[in-house]
Amino acid sequence: MDQLKGLRDYVEKFTESEVVKKELESTVAIKEWLKIFDPKTISHTALEQLLQMTAEAEAQQKIAFLELLKFLVLQENVAVYVLIEHWEGLIEVAIMAYIACNDLQDPKDNVL
């Protein structure tokens, strides 16, 4: 549970970053959800904001967001929503392409 609290804190800090302020129209829903931090209660708006932040994150940041998404996708409503709305754009392009670009033989380049 400490790892999840750490992820929550990390995402909360990232909502205040310059990249998020520049690229996202709003972070109100995700900030509200982070106060509750119950995977069963995440709204589609908060999930959208989380997914947008995931797309903007780089390197170790992206790994932290993926860990949180891995936790959230255990909820059926989240899994269905992500699968239907975001498979091609987020999962296939942003995440799988990111992983494919890493040299998995080079320990210095391996962020997984």
N, C-alpha and C. Protein backbone atom coordinates (compact mmCIF):
# COMPACT_ATOMS: atom_id res chain seq x y z
N MET A 1 0.82 -1.19 0.00
CA MET A 1 0.00 0.00 0.00
C MET A 1 0.86 1.26 0.00
N ASP A 2 2.07 1.16 0.57
CA ASP A 2 2.98 2.31 0.56
C ASP A 2 3.37 2.70 -0.86
N GLN A 3 3.52 1.68 -1.72
CA GLN A 3 3.86 1.96 -3.11
C GLN A 3 2.74 2.76 -3.78
N LEU A 4 1.50 2.39 -3.50
CA LEU A 4 0.37 3.12 -4.08
C LEU A 4 0.31 4.54 -3.55
N LYS A 5 0.59 4.73 -2.28
CA LYS A 5 0.62 6.08 -1.72
C LYS A 5 1.72 6.89 -2.40
N GLY A 6 2.84 6.25 -2.63
CA GLY A 6 3.94 6.92 -3.33
C GLY A 6 3.55 7.31 -4.74
N LEU A 7 2.83 6.43 -5.44
CA LEU A 7 2.36 6.75 -6.79
C LEU A 7 1.37 7.91 -6.75
N ARG A 8 0.48 7.88 -5.77
CA ARG A 8 -0.49 8.97 -5.63
C ARG A 8 0.25 10.30 -5.42
N ASP A 9 1.21 10.30 -4.53
CA ASP A 9 1.96 11.52 -4.25
C ASP A 9 2.72 11.99 -5.49
N TYR A 10 3.28 11.05 -6.22
CA TYR A 10 4.03 11.38 -7.43
C TYR A 10 3.12 12.02 -8.47
N VAL A 11 1.95 11.43 -8.69
CA VAL A 11 1.00 11.97 -9.66
C VAL A 11 0.52 13.35 -9.22
N GLU A 12 0.28 13.48 -7.93
CA GLU A 12 -0.17 14.76 -7.39
C GLU A 12 0.87 15.85 -7.67
N LYS A 13 2.14 15.55 -7.47
CA LYS A 13 3.20 16.51 -7.76
C LYS A 13 3.27 16.81 -9.26
N PHE A 14 3.10 15.77 -10.08
CA PHE A 14 3.19 15.94 -11.53
C PHE A 14 2.07 16.84 -12.06
N THR A 15 0.93 16.86 -11.37
CA THR A 15 -0.18 17.73 -11.82
C THR A 15 0.21 19.20 -11.76
N GLU A 16 1.22 19.52 -10.96
CA GLU A 16 1.67 20.91 -10.82
C GLU A 16 2.87 21.23 -11.71
N SER A 17 3.32 20.27 -12.49
CA SER A 17 4.50 20.49 -13.34
C SER A 17 4.17 21.42 -14.50
N GLU A 18 5.20 22.02 -15.04
CA GLU A 18 5.03 22.94 -16.16
C GLU A 18 4.48 22.24 -17.40
N VAL A 19 4.93 21.02 -17.65
CA VAL A 19 4.45 20.29 -18.82
C VAL A 19 2.95 20.03 -18.72
N VAL A 20 2.48 19.68 -17.56
CA VAL A 20 1.05 19.43 -17.37
C VAL A 20 0.26 20.72 -17.50
N LYS A 21 0.75 21.78 -16.88
CA LYS A 21 0.07 23.07 -16.97
C LYS A 21 -0.01 23.55 -18.43
N LYS A 22 1.02 23.23 -19.19
CA LYS A 22 1.07 23.66 -20.60
C LYS A 22 0.18 22.78 -21.49
N GLU A 23 0.16 21.48 -21.26
CA GLU A 23 -0.48 20.54 -22.18
C GLU A 23 -1.91 20.16 -21.83
N LEU A 24 -2.29 20.23 -20.58
CA LEU A 24 -3.64 19.83 -20.18
C LEU A 24 -4.50 21.05 -19.90
N GLU A 25 -5.73 20.99 -20.35
CA GLU A 25 -6.65 22.10 -20.11
C GLU A 25 -7.01 22.20 -18.63
N SER A 26 -7.16 21.05 -17.98
CA SER A 26 -7.58 21.04 -16.59
C SER A 26 -7.06 19.78 -15.90
N THR A 27 -6.85 19.92 -14.59
CA THR A 27 -6.47 18.77 -13.77
C THR A 27 -7.39 18.67 -12.55
N VAL A 28 -8.50 19.36 -12.60
CA VAL A 28 -9.41 19.41 -11.45
C VAL A 28 -9.91 18.01 -11.08
N ALA A 29 -10.37 17.25 -12.06
CA ALA A 29 -10.95 15.94 -11.77
C ALA A 29 -9.92 14.97 -11.18
N ILE A 30 -8.73 14.95 -11.73
CA ILE A 30 -7.71 14.02 -11.21
C ILE A 30 -7.27 14.44 -9.81
N LYS A 31 -7.18 15.74 -9.56
CA LYS A 31 -6.81 16.20 -8.22
C LYS A 31 -7.88 15.82 -7.20
N GLU A 32 -9.13 15.93 -7.59
CA GLU A 32 -10.22 15.54 -6.69
C GLU A 32 -10.17 14.04 -6.41
N TRP A 33 -9.93 13.24 -7.45
CA TRP A 33 -9.87 11.80 -7.27
C TRP A 33 -8.68 11.40 -6.40
N LEU A 34 -7.56 12.09 -6.56
CA LEU A 34 -6.37 11.75 -5.77
C LEU A 34 -6.62 11.94 -4.28
N LYS A 35 -7.52 12.82 -3.91
CA LYS A 35 -7.86 13.00 -2.49
C LYS A 35 -8.54 11.75 -1.94
N ILE A 36 -9.37 11.12 -2.77
CA ILE A 36 -10.10 9.91 -2.37
C ILE A 36 -9.23 8.67 -2.60
N PHE A 37 -8.64 8.62 -3.78
CA PHE A 37 -7.73 7.56 -4.23
C PHE A 37 -8.34 6.16 -4.09
N ASP A 38 -9.57 6.05 -4.53
CA ASP A 38 -10.25 4.76 -4.56
C ASP A 38 -10.44 4.39 -6.02
N PRO A 39 -9.83 3.29 -6.48
CA PRO A 39 -9.91 2.93 -7.90
C PRO A 39 -11.34 2.74 -8.40
N LYS A 40 -12.24 2.40 -7.50
CA LYS A 40 -13.62 2.17 -7.91
C LYS A 40 -14.36 3.47 -8.20
N THR A 41 -13.81 4.60 -7.74
CA THR A 41 -14.53 5.86 -7.88
C THR A 41 -13.96 6.80 -8.92
N ILE A 42 -12.94 6.39 -9.67
CA ILE A 42 -12.35 7.31 -10.64
C ILE A 42 -13.35 7.59 -11.77
N SER A 43 -13.55 8.85 -12.03
CA SER A 43 -14.48 9.26 -13.09
C SER A 43 -13.79 9.17 -14.45
N HIS A 44 -14.58 9.16 -15.50
CA HIS A 44 -13.99 9.15 -16.84
C HIS A 44 -13.16 10.41 -17.07
N THR A 45 -13.61 11.53 -16.54
CA THR A 45 -12.86 12.78 -16.69
C THR A 45 -11.50 12.68 -16.00
N ALA A 46 -11.48 12.16 -14.78
CA ALA A 46 -10.21 12.00 -14.06
C ALA A 46 -9.31 11.00 -14.78
N LEU A 47 -9.90 9.94 -15.28
CA LEU A 47 -9.13 8.94 -16.02
C LEU A 47 -8.55 9.55 -17.30
N GLU A 48 -9.32 10.36 -17.98
CA GLU A 48 -8.83 11.05 -19.17
C GLU A 48 -7.63 11.93 -18.83
N GLN A 49 -7.74 12.67 -17.75
CA GLN A 49 -6.64 13.53 -17.34
C GLN A 49 -5.40 12.71 -16.97
N LEU A 50 -5.61 11.59 -16.31
CA LEU A 50 -4.50 10.70 -15.96
C LEU A 50 -3.84 10.14 -17.22
N LEU A 51 -4.65 9.75 -18.18
CA LEU A 51 -4.11 9.22 -19.43
C LEU A 51 -3.37 10.30 -20.22
N GLN A 52 -3.85 11.52 -20.20
CA GLN A 52 -3.15 12.62 -20.86
C GLN A 52 -1.81 12.88 -20.19
N MET A 53 -1.77 12.82 -18.88
CA MET A 53 -0.51 13.00 -18.17
C MET A 53 0.45 11.86 -18.47
N THR A 54 -0.08 10.66 -18.60
CA THR A 54 0.75 9.50 -18.96
C THR A 54 1.40 9.72 -20.32
N ALA A 55 0.63 10.25 -21.26
CA ALA A 55 1.17 10.51 -22.59
C ALA A 55 2.26 11.58 -22.55
N GLU A 56 2.16 12.54 -21.65
CA GLU A 56 3.15 13.61 -21.54
C GLU A 56 4.38 13.21 -20.75
N ALA A 57 4.25 12.22 -19.90
CA ALA A 57 5.36 11.79 -19.05
C ALA A 57 6.46 11.14 -19.88
N GLU A 58 7.68 11.21 -19.37
CA GLU A 58 8.82 10.60 -20.05
C GLU A 58 9.63 9.76 -19.07
N ALA A 59 10.30 8.76 -19.63
CA ALA A 59 11.24 7.90 -18.90
C ALA A 59 10.64 7.38 -17.59
N GLN A 60 11.29 7.67 -16.47
CA GLN A 60 10.83 7.14 -15.18
C GLN A 60 9.45 7.65 -14.81
N GLN A 61 9.11 8.86 -15.25
CA GLN A 61 7.77 9.38 -15.01
C GLN A 61 6.73 8.47 -15.62
N LYS A 62 6.97 8.07 -16.86
CA LYS A 62 6.01 7.21 -17.56
C LYS A 62 5.86 5.88 -16.84
N ILE A 63 6.94 5.35 -16.32
CA ILE A 63 6.87 4.08 -15.58
C ILE A 63 5.98 4.23 -14.36
N ALA A 64 6.08 5.33 -13.65
CA ALA A 64 5.23 5.56 -12.48
C ALA A 64 3.76 5.61 -12.88
N PHE A 65 3.46 6.28 -13.97
CA PHE A 65 2.08 6.36 -14.44
C PHE A 65 1.58 4.99 -14.89
N LEU A 66 2.43 4.21 -15.52
CA LEU A 66 2.05 2.87 -15.94
C LEU A 66 1.75 1.98 -14.74
N GLU A 67 2.51 2.14 -13.68
CA GLU A 67 2.25 1.37 -12.46
C GLU A 67 0.88 1.72 -11.89
N LEU A 68 0.54 3.00 -11.89
CA LEU A 68 -0.77 3.41 -11.39
C LEU A 68 -1.88 2.89 -12.30
N LEU A 69 -1.68 2.98 -13.61
CA LEU A 69 -2.68 2.47 -14.55
C LEU A 69 -2.85 0.96 -14.40
N LYS A 70 -1.75 0.26 -14.15
CA LYS A 70 -1.81 -1.19 -13.93
C LYS A 70 -2.70 -1.49 -12.72
N PHE A 71 -2.61 -0.70 -11.70
CA PHE A 71 -3.44 -0.84 -10.51
C PHE A 71 -4.91 -0.52 -10.84
N LEU A 72 -5.13 0.54 -11.59
CA LEU A 72 -6.50 0.97 -11.91
C LEU A 72 -7.22 0.03 -12.86
N VAL A 73 -6.47 -0.54 -13.80
CA VAL A 73 -7.10 -1.36 -14.83
C VAL A 73 -7.63 -2.68 -14.26
N LEU A 74 -7.33 -2.97 -13.03
CA LEU A 74 -7.91 -4.14 -12.37
C LEU A 74 -9.41 -3.95 -12.14
N GLN A 75 -9.86 -2.72 -12.17
CA GLN A 75 -11.29 -2.42 -12.05
C GLN A 75 -11.93 -2.58 -13.42
N GLU A 76 -12.98 -3.34 -13.48
CA GLU A 76 -13.60 -3.64 -14.78
C GLU A 76 -14.02 -2.38 -15.53
N ASN A 77 -14.62 -1.42 -14.83
CA ASN A 77 -15.08 -0.21 -15.52
C ASN A 77 -13.92 0.57 -16.13
N VAL A 78 -12.79 0.61 -15.46
CA VAL A 78 -11.60 1.29 -15.98
C VAL A 78 -11.04 0.51 -17.16
N ALA A 79 -10.93 -0.79 -17.03
CA ALA A 79 -10.39 -1.62 -18.10
C ALA A 79 -11.20 -1.50 -19.38
N VAL A 80 -12.50 -1.56 -19.25
CA VAL A 80 -13.37 -1.46 -20.42
C VAL A 80 -13.23 -0.09 -21.07
N TYR A 81 -13.23 0.96 -20.26
CA TYR A 81 -13.12 2.31 -20.79
C TYR A 81 -11.80 2.51 -21.54
N VAL A 82 -10.71 2.09 -20.94
CA VAL A 82 -9.39 2.25 -21.57
C VAL A 82 -9.32 1.42 -22.85
N LEU A 83 -9.80 0.21 -22.80
CA LEU A 83 -9.76 -0.66 -23.97
C LEU A 83 -10.56 -0.06 -25.13
N ILE A 84 -11.75 0.41 -24.85
CA ILE A 84 -12.62 0.94 -25.91
C ILE A 84 -12.14 2.30 -26.41
N GLU A 85 -11.78 3.17 -25.51
CA GLU A 85 -11.48 4.55 -25.89
C GLU A 85 -10.03 4.83 -26.24
N HIS A 86 -9.09 4.03 -25.71
CA HIS A 86 -7.69 4.43 -25.80
C HIS A 86 -6.71 3.38 -26.27
N TRP A 87 -7.17 2.24 -26.73
CA TRP A 87 -6.21 1.20 -27.07
C TRP A 87 -5.19 1.66 -28.09
N GLU A 88 -5.67 2.12 -29.24
CA GLU A 88 -4.74 2.47 -30.31
C GLU A 88 -3.87 3.66 -29.95
N GLY A 89 -4.47 4.73 -29.48
CA GLY A 89 -3.72 5.96 -29.21
C GLY A 89 -2.77 5.87 -28.05
N LEU A 90 -3.23 5.40 -26.94
CA LEU A 90 -2.39 5.40 -25.75
C LEU A 90 -1.57 4.13 -25.62
N ILE A 91 -2.24 3.02 -25.64
CA ILE A 91 -1.55 1.75 -25.38
C ILE A 91 -0.62 1.38 -26.53
N GLU A 92 -1.18 1.30 -27.72
CA GLU A 92 -0.40 0.83 -28.86
C GLU A 92 0.70 1.80 -29.26
N VAL A 93 0.36 3.07 -29.37
CA VAL A 93 1.33 4.04 -29.86
C VAL A 93 2.24 4.54 -28.75
N ALA A 94 1.66 5.12 -27.71
CA ALA A 94 2.48 5.77 -26.68
C ALA A 94 3.28 4.79 -25.85
N ILE A 95 2.67 3.72 -25.39
CA ILE A 95 3.35 2.82 -24.47
C ILE A 95 4.15 1.76 -25.21
N MET A 96 3.51 1.04 -26.13
CA MET A 96 4.22 -0.03 -26.84
C MET A 96 5.36 0.53 -27.69
N ALA A 97 5.14 1.68 -28.32
CA ALA A 97 6.20 2.29 -29.12
C ALA A 97 7.34 2.75 -28.21
N TYR A 98 7.00 3.26 -27.05
CA TYR A 98 8.02 3.68 -26.08
C TYR A 98 8.88 2.50 -25.66
N ILE A 99 8.24 1.40 -25.34
CA ILE A 99 8.97 0.21 -24.93
C ILE A 99 9.82 -0.31 -26.08
N ALA A 100 9.28 -0.29 -27.29
CA ALA A 100 10.00 -0.80 -28.45
C ALA A 100 11.25 0.03 -28.75
N CYS A 101 11.24 1.29 -28.37
CA CYS A 101 12.39 2.16 -28.64
C CYS A 101 13.55 1.92 -27.68
N ASN A 102 13.31 1.23 -26.60
CA ASN A 102 14.37 0.96 -25.64
C ASN A 102 15.21 -0.22 -26.10
N ASP A 103 16.49 -0.11 -25.88
CA ASP A 103 17.41 -1.21 -26.14
C ASP A 103 17.40 -2.10 -24.91
N LEU A 104 16.63 -3.17 -24.97
CA LEU A 104 16.46 -4.02 -23.80
C LEU A 104 17.73 -4.80 -23.45
N GLN A 105 18.70 -4.84 -24.36
CA GLN A 105 19.97 -5.50 -24.08
C GLN A 105 20.93 -4.59 -23.31
N ASP A 106 20.67 -3.29 -23.36
CA ASP A 106 21.54 -2.31 -22.70
C ASP A 106 20.96 -1.97 -21.33
N PRO A 107 21.60 -2.37 -20.24
CA PRO A 107 21.04 -2.11 -18.90
C PRO A 107 20.88 -0.61 -18.61
N LYS A 108 21.65 0.23 -19.25
CA LYS A 108 21.54 1.68 -19.03
C LYS A 108 20.32 2.25 -19.73
N ASP A 109 19.84 1.59 -20.77
CA ASP A 109 18.69 2.06 -21.53
C ASP A 109 17.41 1.37 -21.10
N ASN A 110 17.53 0.37 -20.28
CA ASN A 110 16.37 -0.43 -19.88
C ASN A 110 15.64 0.26 -18.72
N VAL A 111 14.48 0.85 -19.01
CA VAL A 111 13.72 1.55 -17.98
C VAL A 111 12.61 0.67 -17.41
N LEU A 112 12.54 -0.57 -17.86
CA LEU A 112 11.47 -1.45 -17.38
C LEU A 112 11.87 -2.17 -16.13
